[in-house]
């Protein structure tokens, strides 16, 4: 009987142990599931999102025609054809003033002069000395004295300022009797028979530049007026613009018969007409795809299909390309930009 009881107890113990192990196993499974659940959820949502995303069809891109103006953009300041500063030729009292502001003068006309009594006396003495020397003097000495007389005559003439060209007295700050020092500036004489300007042309535009080309200039001082100029010259060597870091050609432009409202010193913007205007075909660069480095477009057909076309292109303004072959105006092209409904995009 005791053996029967012991057997029964052993059976109960084994049964309890088996239940305990089974329970422990379930707990392990639950723990593993809890730990793995975030990773499972991440991969599930990623897979679901990827497989439920659809490609968003963007509106087609149309090939359009545009007129490309063959022009070189320029800007600068206009100058007088010639300019003469009224500088004092020496030191002394201003004895003669023959002009006033706004006067028109002729070439070689006397403008103003400094007191020259001292120079006149020295020249007169030299002339008298030469006459005395001619009576009994040696010919070599007389020749030397005559050269000295020429120098004194030049010094006398240099006390006077003459116009170097026909022009207009642009400004003047000079009065008779005032004291002047060497190189004092009293005003300016300008020649407005034509105006001129020097503009910078970038090296990328240099190949389109030639003498005689027409230039259209626009001045804010005379709105609505197009002032015509002509390319007069440009150098055979370029110059580095250190401020902008690019290479330029200093191109000279002249304006014949300028309007009265355009004054030297005015700023302008404009363009050099480098050739005939050109009709070109352009479109958004997103219509282009590449195969083995070659550009292609996909033309949209009426039946909803596409036709692959190899094209030739060149860069145009930012975001656009210019076609040189392969398409016609009005072609509807597939937008190669890929955008999914989850917001991710690419090419």
C-alpha atoms as a PDB file:
ATOM      1  CA  UNK A   1       0.000   0.000   0.000  1.00  0.00           C
ATOM      2  CA  UNK A   2       2.848   2.310   0.809  1.00  0.00           C
ATOM      3  CA  UNK A   3       4.351   1.542  -2.582  1.00  0.00           C
ATOM      4  CA  UNK A   4       1.060   2.470  -4.265  1.00  0.00           C
ATOM      5  CA  UNK A   5       1.035   5.819  -2.496  1.00  0.00           C
ATOM      6  CA  UNK A   6       4.617   6.526  -3.388  1.00  0.00           C
ATOM      7  CA  UNK A   7       3.908   5.706  -7.006  1.00  0.00           C
ATOM      8  CA  UNK A   8       0.967   8.020  -7.043  1.00  0.00           C
ATOM      9  CA  UNK A   9       3.016  10.852  -5.555  1.00  0.00           C
ATOM     10  CA  UNK A  10       5.747  10.319  -8.112  1.00  0.00           C
ATOM     11  CA  UNK A  11       3.211  10.480 -10.928  1.00  0.00           C
ATOM     12  CA  UNK A  12       1.872  13.793  -9.578  1.00  0.00           C
ATOM     13  CA  UNK A  13       5.357  15.213  -9.292  1.00  0.00           C
ATOM     14  CA  UNK A  14       6.210  14.248 -12.859  1.00  0.00           C
ATOM     15  CA  UNK A  15       2.964  15.738 -14.118  1.00  0.00           C
ATOM     16  CA  UNK A  16       3.628  19.021 -12.303  1.00  0.00           C
ATOM     17  CA  UNK A  17       7.194  19.175 -13.632  1.00  0.00           C
ATOM     18  CA  UNK A  18       5.922  18.616 -17.162  1.00  0.00           C
ATOM     19  CA  UNK A  19       3.377  21.447 -16.768  1.00  0.00           C
ATOM     20  CA  UNK A  20       6.053  23.741 -15.361  1.00  0.00           C
ATOM     21  CA  UNK A  21       8.383  23.111 -18.310  1.00  0.00           C
ATOM     22  CA  UNK A  22       5.554  23.621 -20.784  1.00  0.00           C
ATOM     23  CA  UNK A  23       4.629  26.913 -19.131  1.00  0.00           C
ATOM     24  CA  UNK A  24       8.269  28.013 -19.191  1.00  0.00           C
ATOM     25  CA  UNK A  25       8.460  27.206 -22.903  1.00  0.00           C
ATOM     26  CA  UNK A  26       5.410  29.321 -23.655  1.00  0.00           C
ATOM     27  CA  UNK A  27       6.933  32.231 -21.753  1.00  0.00           C
ATOM     28  CA  UNK A  28      10.097  31.987 -23.881  1.00  0.00           C
ATOM     29  CA  UNK A  29       8.045  32.055 -27.063  1.00  0.00           C
ATOM     30  CA  UNK A  30       6.125  35.089 -25.830  1.00  0.00           C
ATOM     31  CA  UNK A  31       9.351  36.904 -24.923  1.00  0.00           C
ATOM     32  CA  UNK A  32      10.879  36.153 -28.345  1.00  0.00           C
ATOM     33  CA  UNK A  33       7.755  37.465 -30.048  1.00  0.00           C
ATOM     34  CA  UNK A  34       7.800  40.633 -27.960  1.00  0.00           C
ATOM     35  CA  UNK A  35      11.449  41.287 -28.804  1.00  0.00           C
ATOM     36  CA  UNK A  36      10.959  40.565 -32.513  1.00  0.00           C
ATOM     37  CA  UNK A  37       7.705  42.470 -32.905  1.00  0.00           C
ATOM     38  CA  UNK A  38       9.250  45.955 -33.673  1.00  0.00           C
ATOM     39  CA  UNK A  39      11.534  44.496 -36.361  1.00  0.00           C
ATOM     40  CA  UNK A  40       8.673  42.509 -37.860  1.00  0.00           C
ATOM     41  CA  UNK A  41       6.486  45.605 -37.849  1.00  0.00           C
ATOM     42  CA  UNK A  42       9.238  47.720 -39.516  1.00  0.00           C
ATOM     43  CA  UNK A  43       9.857  45.258 -42.337  1.00  0.00           C
ATOM     44  CA  UNK A  44       6.145  44.659 -42.775  1.00  0.00           C
ATOM     45  CA  UNK A  45       5.329  48.357 -43.116  1.00  0.00           C
ATOM     46  CA  UNK A  46       8.329  48.950 -45.396  1.00  0.00           C
ATOM     47  CA  UNK A  47       7.341  46.063 -47.645  1.00  0.00           C
ATOM     48  CA  UNK A  48       3.693  47.131 -47.627  1.00  0.00           C
ATOM     49  CA  UNK A  49       4.567  50.762 -48.359  1.00  0.00           C
ATOM     50  CA  UNK A  50       6.886  49.799 -51.196  1.00  0.00           C
ATOM     51  CA  UNK A  51       4.392  47.495 -52.773  1.00  0.00           C
ATOM     52  CA  UNK A  52       1.443  49.828 -52.366  1.00  0.00           C
ATOM     53  CA  UNK A  53       3.369  52.885 -53.758  1.00  0.00           C
ATOM     54  CA  UNK A  54       2.427  53.929 -57.250  1.00  0.00           C
ATOM     55  CA  UNK A  55       4.406  56.063 -59.685  1.00  0.00           C
ATOM     56  CA  UNK A  56       2.875  59.518 -60.060  1.00  0.00           C
ATOM     57  CA  UNK A  57       2.544  60.439 -63.718  1.00  0.00           C
ATOM     58  CA  UNK A  58       3.674  64.031 -64.214  1.00  0.00           C
ATOM     59  CA  UNK A  59       2.212  66.225 -66.954  1.00  0.00           C
ATOM     60  CA  UNK A  60       4.008  65.886 -70.292  1.00  0.00           C
ATOM     61  CA  UNK A  61       6.650  68.365 -71.401  1.00  0.00           C
ATOM     62  CA  UNK A  62       5.988  70.234 -74.628  1.00  0.00           C
ATOM     63  CA  UNK A  63       8.670  71.185 -77.144  1.00  0.00           C
ATOM     64  CA  UNK A  64       8.313  74.908 -77.825  1.00  0.00           C
ATOM     65  CA  UNK A  65       9.796  77.319 -80.350  1.00  0.00           C
ATOM     66  CA  UNK A  66      11.570  80.439 -79.199  1.00  0.00           C
ATOM     67  CA  UNK A  67      13.414  83.269 -80.931  1.00  0.00           C
ATOM     68  CA  UNK A  68      17.014  83.381 -79.714  1.00  0.00           C
ATOM     69  CA  UNK A  69      18.484  86.836 -80.123  1.00  0.00           C
ATOM     70  CA  UNK A  70      22.096  86.713 -81.290  1.00  0.00           C
ATOM     71  CA  UNK A  71      23.218  89.524 -79.015  1.00  0.00           C
ATOM     72  CA  UNK A  72      26.047  90.256 -76.598  1.00  0.00           C
ATOM     73  CA  UNK A  73      24.915  92.034 -73.449  1.00  0.00           C
ATOM     74  CA  UNK A  74      27.006  95.068 -72.440  1.00  0.00           C
ATOM     75  CA  UNK A  75      27.027  97.956 -69.980  1.00  0.00           C
ATOM     76  CA  UNK A  76      29.292 100.889 -69.213  1.00  0.00           C
ATOM     77  CA  UNK A  77      29.720 104.657 -69.204  1.00  0.00           C
ATOM     78  CA  UNK A  78      29.736 106.968 -72.208  1.00  0.00           C
ATOM     79  CA  UNK A  79      32.622 109.394 -72.759  1.00  0.00           C
ATOM     80  CA  UNK A  80      33.296 112.424 -74.920  1.00  0.00           C
ATOM     81  CA  UNK A  81      35.239 111.854 -78.126  1.00  0.00           C
ATOM     82  CA  UNK A  82      38.039 114.048 -76.754  1.00  0.00           C
ATOM     83  CA  UNK A  83      38.619 115.827 -73.475  1.00  0.00           C
ATOM     84  CA  UNK A  84      41.061 118.535 -72.443  1.00  0.00           C
ATOM     85  CA  UNK A  85      41.590 119.595 -68.857  1.00  0.00           C
ATOM     86  CA  UNK A  86      42.270 123.266 -68.189  1.00  0.00           C
ATOM     87  CA  UNK A  87      45.489 122.833 -66.213  1.00  0.00           C
ATOM     88  CA  UNK A  88      47.662 125.729 -65.164  1.00  0.00           C
ATOM     89  CA  UNK A  89      50.923 125.626 -67.145  1.00  0.00           C
ATOM     90  CA  UNK A  90      52.879 127.120 -64.275  1.00  0.00           C
ATOM     91  CA  UNK A  91      52.689 129.420 -61.280  1.00  0.00           C
ATOM     92  CA  UNK A  92      51.536 133.022 -61.390  1.00  0.00           C
ATOM     93  CA  UNK A  93      48.658 135.444 -61.751  1.00  0.00           C
ATOM     94  CA  UNK A  94      45.931 134.630 -64.319  1.00  0.00           C
ATOM     95  CA  UNK A  95      46.200 137.578 -66.675  1.00  0.00           C
ATOM     96  CA  UNK A  96      43.816 136.606 -69.492  1.00  0.00           C
ATOM     97  CA  UNK A  97      40.564 134.575 -69.522  1.00  0.00           C
ATOM     98  CA  UNK A  98      38.984 134.309 -72.970  1.00  0.00           C
ATOM     99  CA  UNK A  99      36.199 131.762 -72.281  1.00  0.00           C
ATOM    100  CA  UNK A 100      33.205 131.083 -70.103  1.00  0.00           C
ATOM    101  CA  UNK A 101      31.278 127.900 -69.350  1.00  0.00           C
ATOM    102  CA  UNK A 102      29.227 126.676 -72.331  1.00  0.00           C
ATOM    103  CA  UNK A 103      31.296 128.494 -74.961  1.00  0.00           C
ATOM    104  CA  UNK A 104      32.069 126.764 -78.242  1.00  0.00           C
ATOM    105  CA  UNK A 105      35.728 127.158 -79.170  1.00  0.00           C
ATOM    106  CA  UNK A 106      37.913 126.336 -82.172  1.00  0.00           C
ATOM    107  CA  UNK A 107      41.150 124.421 -82.272  1.00  0.00           C
ATOM    108  CA  UNK A 108      44.209 126.571 -81.373  1.00  0.00           C
ATOM    109  CA  UNK A 109      42.000 129.315 -79.879  1.00  0.00           C
ATOM    110  CA  UNK A 110      43.514 131.030 -76.809  1.00  0.00           C
ATOM    111  CA  UNK A 111      41.639 129.995 -73.658  1.00  0.00           C
ATOM    112  CA  UNK A 112      43.545 131.677 -70.811  1.00  0.00           C
ATOM    113  CA  UNK A 113      47.051 132.854 -69.975  1.00  0.00           C
ATOM    114  CA  UNK A 114      49.247 133.526 -66.965  1.00  0.00           C
ATOM    115  CA  UNK A 115      51.198 136.745 -66.433  1.00  0.00           C
ATOM    116  CA  UNK A 116      54.302 136.459 -68.630  1.00  0.00           C
ATOM    117  CA  UNK A 117      56.132 139.811 -68.234  1.00  0.00           C
ATOM    118  CA  UNK A 118      59.226 138.136 -66.849  1.00  0.00           C
ATOM    119  CA  UNK A 119      59.430 135.729 -69.787  1.00  0.00           C
ATOM    120  CA  UNK A 120      58.839 138.577 -72.261  1.00  0.00           C
ATOM    121  CA  UNK A 121      61.721 140.583 -70.776  1.00  0.00           C
ATOM    122  CA  UNK A 122      64.074 137.603 -70.895  1.00  0.00           C
ATOM    123  CA  UNK A 123      63.160 136.930 -74.527  1.00  0.00           C
ATOM    124  CA  UNK A 124      63.683 140.599 -75.486  1.00  0.00           C
ATOM    125  CA  UNK A 125      67.111 140.600 -73.824  1.00  0.00           C
ATOM    126  CA  UNK A 126      68.084 137.462 -75.728  1.00  0.00           C
ATOM    127  CA  UNK A 127      66.994 138.954 -79.059  1.00  0.00           C
ATOM    128  CA  UNK A 128      69.051 142.113 -78.348  1.00  0.00           C
ATOM    129  CA  UNK A 129      72.073 140.040 -77.373  1.00  0.00           C
ATOM    130  CA  UNK A 130      71.900 138.076 -80.600  1.00  0.00           C
ATOM    131  CA  UNK A 131      71.831 141.283 -82.661  1.00  0.00           C
ATOM    132  CA  UNK A 132      74.879 142.591 -80.796  1.00  0.00           C
ATOM    133  CA  UNK A 133      76.723 139.331 -81.276  1.00  0.00           C
ATOM    134  CA  UNK A 134      76.051 139.346 -85.018  1.00  0.00           C
ATOM    135  CA  UNK A 135      78.248 142.456 -85.383  1.00  0.00           C
ATOM    136  CA  UNK A 136      81.508 140.991 -84.115  1.00  0.00           C
ATOM    137  CA  UNK A 137      80.667 137.543 -82.694  1.00  0.00           C
ATOM    138  CA  UNK A 138      81.497 134.028 -83.874  1.00  0.00           C
ATOM    139  CA  UNK A 139      78.895 132.129 -85.867  1.00  0.00           C
ATOM    140  CA  UNK A 140      78.928 129.119 -83.510  1.00  0.00           C
ATOM    141  CA  UNK A 141      78.069 131.300 -80.528  1.00  0.00           C
ATOM    142  CA  UNK A 142      75.265 132.982 -82.447  1.00  0.00           C
ATOM    143  CA  UNK A 143      73.777 129.567 -83.287  1.00  0.00           C
ATOM    144  CA  UNK A 144      73.781 128.644 -79.601  1.00  0.00           C
ATOM    145  CA  UNK A 145      72.167 131.954 -78.636  1.00  0.00           C
ATOM    146  CA  UNK A 146      69.437 131.435 -81.245  1.00  0.00           C
ATOM    147  CA  UNK A 147      68.590 128.045 -79.703  1.00  0.00           C
ATOM    148  CA  UNK A 148      68.346 129.717 -76.292  1.00  0.00           C
ATOM    149  CA  UNK A 149      66.004 132.305 -77.824  1.00  0.00           C
ATOM    150  CA  UNK A 150      63.768 129.498 -79.164  1.00  0.00           C
ATOM    151  CA  UNK A 151      63.633 127.971 -75.689  1.00  0.00           C
ATOM    152  CA  UNK A 152      62.638 131.314 -74.133  1.00  0.00           C
ATOM    153  CA  UNK A 153      59.962 131.806 -76.798  1.00  0.00           C
ATOM    154  CA  UNK A 154      58.545 128.365 -75.997  1.00  0.00           C
ATOM    155  CA  UNK A 155      58.485 129.162 -72.281  1.00  0.00           C
ATOM    156  CA  UNK A 156      56.588 132.355 -73.083  1.00  0.00           C
ATOM    157  CA  UNK A 157      54.065 130.463 -75.229  1.00  0.00           C
ATOM    158  CA  UNK A 158      53.674 127.819 -72.527  1.00  0.00           C
ATOM    159  CA  UNK A 159      52.239 130.465 -70.218  1.00  0.00           C
ATOM    160  CA  UNK A 160      49.202 130.418 -72.511  1.00  0.00           C
ATOM    161  CA  UNK A 161      46.648 127.578 -72.862  1.00  0.00           C
ATOM    162  CA  UNK A 162      45.096 126.894 -76.281  1.00  0.00           C
ATOM    163  CA  UNK A 163      42.273 124.604 -77.394  1.00  0.00           C
ATOM    164  CA  UNK A 164      43.543 121.288 -78.757  1.00  0.00           C
ATOM    165  CA  UNK A 165      40.366 120.694 -80.777  1.00  0.00           C
ATOM    166  CA  UNK A 166      36.971 122.175 -81.607  1.00  0.00           C
ATOM    167  CA  UNK A 167      34.769 121.725 -78.558  1.00  0.00           C
ATOM    168  CA  UNK A 168      32.539 123.040 -75.793  1.00  0.00           C
ATOM    169  CA  UNK A 169      33.648 124.407 -72.420  1.00  0.00           C
ATOM    170  CA  UNK A 170      31.930 121.856 -70.167  1.00  0.00           C
ATOM    171  CA  UNK A 171      32.830 123.531 -66.900  1.00  0.00           C
ATOM    172  CA  UNK A 172      35.065 126.409 -65.789  1.00  0.00           C
ATOM    173  CA  UNK A 173      36.188 127.770 -62.440  1.00  0.00           C
ATOM    174  CA  UNK A 174      38.642 130.482 -63.382  1.00  0.00           C
ATOM    175  CA  UNK A 175      38.729 134.256 -62.947  1.00  0.00           C
ATOM    176  CA  UNK A 176      41.130 136.885 -64.178  1.00  0.00           C
ATOM    177  CA  UNK A 177      43.527 138.008 -61.445  1.00  0.00           C
ATOM    178  CA  UNK A 178      43.446 134.811 -59.379  1.00  0.00           C
ATOM    179  CA  UNK A 179      46.698 133.137 -58.412  1.00  0.00           C
ATOM    180  CA  UNK A 180      47.420 129.738 -59.961  1.00  0.00           C
ATOM    181  CA  UNK A 181      49.839 126.981 -59.122  1.00  0.00           C
ATOM    182  CA  UNK A 182      51.307 124.525 -61.595  1.00  0.00           C
ATOM    183  CA  UNK A 183      48.786 121.866 -62.731  1.00  0.00           C
ATOM    184  CA  UNK A 184      45.813 123.436 -60.936  1.00  0.00           C
ATOM    185  CA  UNK A 185      42.666 122.240 -62.740  1.00  0.00           C
ATOM    186  CA  UNK A 186      40.163 124.946 -63.736  1.00  0.00           C
ATOM    187  CA  UNK A 187      37.708 123.020 -65.945  1.00  0.00           C
ATOM    188  CA  UNK A 188      37.238 120.842 -69.011  1.00  0.00           C
ATOM    189  CA  UNK A 189      36.860 121.204 -72.764  1.00  0.00           C
ATOM    190  CA  UNK A 190      34.996 118.352 -74.475  1.00  0.00           C
ATOM    191  CA  UNK A 191      34.428 117.256 -78.047  1.00  0.00           C
ATOM    192  CA  UNK A 192      30.857 115.979 -78.564  1.00  0.00           C
ATOM    193  CA  UNK A 193      31.159 115.395 -82.301  1.00  0.00           C
ATOM    194  CA  UNK A 194      30.745 111.761 -81.272  1.00  0.00           C
ATOM    195  CA  UNK A 195      30.702 109.811 -78.019  1.00  0.00           C
ATOM    196  CA  UNK A 196      32.600 106.661 -77.148  1.00  0.00           C
ATOM    197  CA  UNK A 197      32.627 103.866 -74.601  1.00  0.00           C
ATOM    198  CA  UNK A 198      34.784 100.897 -73.659  1.00  0.00           C
ATOM    199  CA  UNK A 199      32.817  97.795 -72.627  1.00  0.00           C
ATOM    200  CA  UNK A 200      33.864  94.359 -71.403  1.00  0.00           C
ATOM    201  CA  UNK A 201      32.945  91.396 -73.599  1.00  0.00           C
ATOM    202  CA  UNK A 202      33.332  87.963 -72.019  1.00  0.00           C
ATOM    203  CA  UNK A 203      35.677  85.489 -73.687  1.00  0.00           C
ATOM    204  CA  UNK A 204      32.701  83.161 -74.216  1.00  0.00           C
ATOM    205  CA  UNK A 205      31.190  85.808 -76.544  1.00  0.00           C
ATOM    206  CA  UNK A 206      34.455  86.865 -78.204  1.00  0.00           C
ATOM    207  CA  UNK A 207      34.005  84.538 -81.196  1.00  0.00           C
ATOM    208  CA  UNK A 208      30.788  86.414 -82.121  1.00  0.00           C
ATOM    209  CA  UNK A 209      32.431  89.843 -82.022  1.00  0.00           C
ATOM    210  CA  UNK A 210      33.521  91.796 -85.118  1.00  0.00           C
ATOM    211  CA  UNK A 211      34.283  95.402 -86.039  1.00  0.00           C
ATOM    212  CA  UNK A 212      31.330  97.286 -87.525  1.00  0.00           C
ATOM    213  CA  UNK A 213      28.619  95.468 -85.576  1.00  0.00           C
ATOM    214  CA  UNK A 214      25.669  97.596 -84.454  1.00  0.00           C
ATOM    215  CA  UNK A 215      25.132  98.269 -80.739  1.00  0.00           C
ATOM    216  CA  UNK A 216      21.881  99.399 -79.095  1.00  0.00           C
ATOM    217  CA  UNK A 217      22.412 101.481 -75.964  1.00  0.00           C
ATOM    218  CA  UNK A 218      19.785 102.416 -73.372  1.00  0.00           C
ATOM    219  CA  UNK A 219      20.243 105.357 -70.997  1.00  0.00           C
ATOM    220  CA  UNK A 220      18.078 105.825 -67.911  1.00  0.00           C
ATOM    221  CA  UNK A 221      18.549 109.583 -68.378  1.00  0.00           C
ATOM    222  CA  UNK A 222      16.673 109.424 -71.709  1.00  0.00           C
ATOM    223  CA  UNK A 223      14.021 106.709 -71.231  1.00  0.00           C
ATOM    224  CA  UNK A 224      12.454 105.207 -74.313  1.00  0.00           C
ATOM    225  CA  UNK A 225      15.309 106.267 -76.593  1.00  0.00           C
ATOM    226  CA  UNK A 226      17.514 103.690 -78.319  1.00  0.00           C
ATOM    227  CA  UNK A 227      20.937 105.156 -79.027  1.00  0.00           C
ATOM    228  CA  UNK A 228      22.770 103.403 -81.852  1.00  0.00           C
ATOM    229  CA  UNK A 229      26.491 102.750 -81.688  1.00  0.00           C
ATOM    230  CA  UNK A 230      29.070 100.791 -83.689  1.00  0.00           C
ATOM    231  CA  UNK A 231      31.855  98.464 -82.594  1.00  0.00           C
ATOM    232  CA  UNK A 232      35.010 100.370 -83.521  1.00  0.00           C
ATOM    233  CA  UNK A 233      37.782  98.072 -82.292  1.00  0.00           C
ATOM    234  CA  UNK A 234      38.807  95.376 -79.843  1.00  0.00           C
ATOM    235  CA  UNK A 235      42.283  94.119 -78.906  1.00  0.00           C
ATOM    236  CA  UNK A 236      44.067  91.012 -80.093  1.00  0.00           C
ATOM    237  CA  UNK A 237      44.743  90.021 -76.495  1.00  0.00           C
ATOM    238  CA  UNK A 238      42.305  89.448 -73.636  1.00  0.00           C
ATOM    239  CA  UNK A 239      42.501  90.824 -70.117  1.00  0.00           C
ATOM    240  CA  UNK A 240      41.770  89.183 -66.782  1.00  0.00           C
ATOM    241  CA  UNK A 241      39.083  90.966 -64.769  1.00  0.00           C
ATOM    242  CA  UNK A 242      40.469  90.374 -61.276  1.00  0.00           C
ATOM    243  CA  UNK A 243      37.268  91.538 -59.556  1.00  0.00           C
ATOM    244  CA  UNK A 244      35.014  89.048 -61.359  1.00  0.00           C
ATOM    245  CA  UNK A 245      37.652  86.420 -62.053  1.00  0.00           C
ATOM    246  CA  UNK A 246      36.876  86.130 -65.776  1.00  0.00           C
ATOM    247  CA  UNK A 247      38.665  87.007 -68.997  1.00  0.00           C
ATOM    248  CA  UNK A 248      37.315  89.869 -71.114  1.00  0.00           C
ATOM    249  CA  UNK A 249      37.988  91.886 -74.257  1.00  0.00           C
ATOM    250  CA  UNK A 250      37.926  95.679 -73.833  1.00  0.00           C
ATOM    251  CA  UNK A 251      35.734  96.599 -76.799  1.00  0.00           C
ATOM    252  CA  UNK A 252      35.488 100.190 -78.078  1.00  0.00           C
ATOM    253  CA  UNK A 253      32.105 101.526 -79.241  1.00  0.00           C
ATOM    254  CA  UNK A 254      31.439 104.913 -80.843  1.00  0.00           C
ATOM    255  CA  UNK A 255      28.137 106.811 -81.111  1.00  0.00           C
ATOM    256  CA  UNK A 256      27.898 109.199 -84.051  1.00  0.00           C
ATOM    257  CA  UNK A 257      25.544 112.192 -83.743  1.00  0.00           C
ATOM    258  CA  UNK A 258      24.533 111.474 -80.125  1.00  0.00           C
ATOM    259  CA  UNK A 259      21.249 112.935 -78.781  1.00  0.00           C
ATOM    260  CA  UNK A 260      21.659 116.175 -76.846  1.00  0.00           C
ATOM    261  CA  UNK A 261      20.206 114.513 -73.751  1.00  0.00           C
ATOM    262  CA  UNK A 262      23.053 112.004 -73.565  1.00  0.00           C
ATOM    263  CA  UNK A 263      25.945 113.576 -71.691  1.00  0.00           C
ATOM    264  CA  UNK A 264      29.462 112.239 -71.104  1.00  0.00           C
ATOM    265  CA  UNK A 265      29.545 110.279 -67.865  1.00  0.00           C
ATOM    266  CA  UNK A 266      26.044 108.780 -68.217  1.00  0.00           C
ATOM    267  CA  UNK A 267      25.726 105.039 -67.628  1.00  0.00           C
ATOM    268  CA  UNK A 268      24.049 102.691 -70.074  1.00  0.00           C
ATOM    269  CA  UNK A 269      23.086  99.090 -70.690  1.00  0.00           C
ATOM    270  CA  UNK A 270      22.503  97.456 -74.032  1.00  0.00           C
ATOM    271  CA  UNK A 271      23.611  94.846 -76.516  1.00  0.00           C
ATOM    272  CA  UNK A 272      25.845  94.292 -79.514  1.00  0.00           C
ATOM    273  CA  UNK A 273      23.947  92.753 -82.435  1.00  0.00           C
ATOM    274  CA  UNK A 274      26.192  89.784 -83.263  1.00  0.00           C
ATOM    275  CA  UNK A 275      24.016  88.281 -86.020  1.00  0.00           C
ATOM    276  CA  UNK A 276      20.530  87.377 -87.170  1.00  0.00           C
ATOM    277  CA  UNK A 277      17.945  86.175 -84.645  1.00  0.00           C
ATOM    278  CA  UNK A 278      17.509  82.389 -84.635  1.00  0.00           C
ATOM    279  CA  UNK A 279      14.411  80.238 -84.093  1.00  0.00           C
ATOM    280  CA  UNK A 280      15.221  77.361 -81.750  1.00  0.00           C
ATOM    281  CA  UNK A 281      13.368  74.416 -80.174  1.00  0.00           C
ATOM    282  CA  UNK A 282      13.624  74.096 -76.415  1.00  0.00           C
ATOM    283  CA  UNK A 283      12.091  72.155 -73.538  1.00  0.00           C
ATOM    284  CA  UNK A 284      12.539  71.401 -69.864  1.00  0.00           C
ATOM    285  CA  UNK A 285      15.668  69.310 -69.244  1.00  0.00           C
ATOM    286  CA  UNK A 286      13.565  66.744 -67.334  1.00  0.00           C
ATOM    287  CA  UNK A 287      12.352  65.376 -70.667  1.00  0.00           C
ATOM    288  CA  UNK A 288      15.846  64.009 -71.373  1.00  0.00           C
ATOM    289  CA  UNK A 289      17.080  60.553 -70.428  1.00  0.00           C
ATOM    290  CA  UNK A 290      20.388  58.920 -71.295  1.00  0.00           C
ATOM    291  CA  UNK A 291      21.371  55.562 -72.689  1.00  0.00           C
ATOM    292  CA  UNK A 292      25.094  54.786 -72.874  1.00  0.00           C
ATOM    293  CA  UNK A 293      25.733  58.507 -72.487  1.00  0.00           C
ATOM    294  CA  UNK A 294      23.480  59.473 -75.411  1.00  0.00           C
ATOM    295  CA  UNK A 295      20.409  61.716 -74.927  1.00  0.00           C
ATOM    296  CA  UNK A 296      16.928  60.353 -75.694  1.00  0.00           C
ATOM    297  CA  UNK A 297      13.335  61.527 -75.265  1.00  0.00           C
ATOM    298  CA  UNK A 298      10.107  59.532 -75.096  1.00  0.00           C
ATOM    299  CA  UNK A 299       7.465  61.022 -77.373  1.00  0.00           C
ATOM    300  CA  UNK A 300       3.886  60.437 -76.153  1.00  0.00           C
ATOM    301  CA  UNK A 301       1.704  58.944 -78.875  1.00  0.00           C
ATOM    302  CA  UNK A 302      -2.075  59.225 -79.315  1.00  0.00           C
ATOM    303  CA  UNK A 303      -2.620  55.586 -78.291  1.00  0.00           C
ATOM    304  CA  UNK A 304      -0.938  56.137 -74.928  1.00  0.00           C
ATOM    305  CA  UNK A 305       2.314  54.481 -75.936  1.00  0.00           C
ATOM    306  CA  UNK A 306       5.698  56.176 -76.232  1.00  0.00           C
ATOM    307  CA  UNK A 307       8.275  56.378 -78.987  1.00  0.00           C
ATOM    308  CA  UNK A 308      11.954  56.541 -78.048  1.00  0.00           C
ATOM    309  CA  UNK A 309      13.829  59.206 -80.060  1.00  0.00           C
ATOM    310  CA  UNK A 310      17.536  59.910 -80.021  1.00  0.00           C
ATOM    311  CA  UNK A 311      18.163  63.663 -79.964  1.00  0.00           C
ATOM    312  CA  UNK A 312      20.979  66.163 -80.153  1.00  0.00           C
ATOM    313  CA  UNK A 313      20.921  68.881 -77.516  1.00  0.00           C
ATOM    314  CA  UNK A 314      22.981  71.710 -76.097  1.00  0.00           C
ATOM    315  CA  UNK A 315      22.648  73.695 -72.850  1.00  0.00           C
ATOM    316  CA  UNK A 316      20.316  76.678 -72.862  1.00  0.00           C
ATOM    317  CA  UNK A 317      19.090  78.889 -70.046  1.00  0.00           C
ATOM    318  CA  UNK A 318      18.978  77.312 -66.589  1.00  0.00           C
ATOM    319  CA  UNK A 319      16.695  74.277 -66.471  1.00  0.00           C
ATOM    320  CA  UNK A 320      16.230  74.043 -70.261  1.00  0.00           C
ATOM    321  CA  UNK A 321      17.963  72.431 -73.236  1.00  0.00           C
ATOM    322  CA  UNK A 322      18.081  73.405 -76.899  1.00  0.00           C
ATOM    323  CA  UNK A 323      17.445  70.775 -79.564  1.00  0.00           C
ATOM    324  CA  UNK A 324      19.541  70.661 -82.713  1.00  0.00           C
ATOM    325  CA  UNK A 325      17.846  67.526 -84.085  1.00  0.00           C
ATOM    326  CA  UNK A 326      15.294  64.818 -83.330  1.00  0.00           C
ATOM    327  CA  UNK A 327      12.118  66.714 -82.379  1.00  0.00           C
ATOM    328  CA  UNK A 328       9.588  69.160 -83.750  1.00  0.00           C
ATOM    329  CA  UNK A 329       7.595  71.982 -82.231  1.00  0.00           C
ATOM    330  CA  UNK A 330       4.594  70.727 -80.271  1.00  0.00           C
ATOM    331  CA  UNK A 331       5.955  67.242 -79.477  1.00  0.00           C
ATOM    332  CA  UNK A 332       4.640  65.987 -76.128  1.00  0.00           C
ATOM    333  CA  UNK A 333       7.461  64.320 -74.215  1.00  0.00           C
ATOM    334  CA  UNK A 334       7.388  62.124 -71.142  1.00  0.00           C
ATOM    335  CA  UNK A 335       8.645  63.768 -67.987  1.00  0.00           C
ATOM    336  CA  UNK A 336      11.477  61.504 -66.848  1.00  0.00           C
ATOM    337  CA  UNK A 337      11.254  62.665 -63.230  1.00  0.00           C
ATOM    338  CA  UNK A 338      10.072  59.759 -61.039  1.00  0.00           C
ATOM    339  CA  UNK A 339       7.842  60.630 -58.090  1.00  0.00           C
ATOM    340  CA  UNK A 340       5.984  58.004 -56.012  1.00  0.00           C
ATOM    341  CA  UNK A 341       2.895  58.657 -53.936  1.00  0.00           C
ATOM    342  CA  UNK A 342       4.978  58.220 -50.789  1.00  0.00           C
ATOM    343  CA  UNK A 343       6.733  61.472 -51.654  1.00  0.00           C
ATOM    344  CA  UNK A 344      10.003  59.919 -52.807  1.00  0.00           C
ATOM    345  CA  UNK A 345      11.311  61.165 -56.145  1.00  0.00           C
ATOM    346  CA  UNK A 346      14.241  60.733 -58.485  1.00  0.00           C
ATOM    347  CA  UNK A 347      15.235  60.142 -62.080  1.00  0.00           C
END
